[in-house]
Amino acid sequence: MEQQAEPTAPECGTLVHDPVTGRVGEYRGAAGPYAILRPVGGGREWQADPRRIRRATPEERLRAEVKAANDRAVRGSSTVLPPEWGRPPQAEPGCEACAQFVVQRQAARARFDWSGETDANVLLRQHRGEEHPEGSPERPLPPVSEL
């Protein structure tokens, strides 16, 4: 008679599917006879039967991650960006480099090239921050860890 191997526990942080609840969660460890799972994106942990959970498929992982992102958007972000980040940056008067970035932005806008327009805005903001910090109303974004 063949012995069935005991299923090995997933590594901490692995996304697994719990068929009883139909949810995908992050494996956090074991507590007694249960696997402890945490919802993707945070939330209240739940217990699952470790013999029934399995690694989440790429589609299940994507669905759970998109749901977590949507939940964050509905709750709102705690980060409030300064109002000037919603407007295109302005050229410093008399600066040829600034003027060139504005020309690039206008040309991209005329072609309906939104990516090119964004690129020109990013380059203009970087230039203003490096070359005109005293006159620049532009402030750098906070580090990602603070968002």
Foldseek 3Di string as FASTA:
>chain_A
DDDDDDDDADDFQFWKAAVVVRAIFGFHQDDPQWTWTAQVLGDDIDTGHRVRIDGDDPVRVVVSNVVNVVVDVVVDDPDDDDPCVVDQFAADPPDPVLVVLVVQLVVCVVVVNVVSNVVSSVVNLVCCVVPPVPPGPDDDDDDPVVD
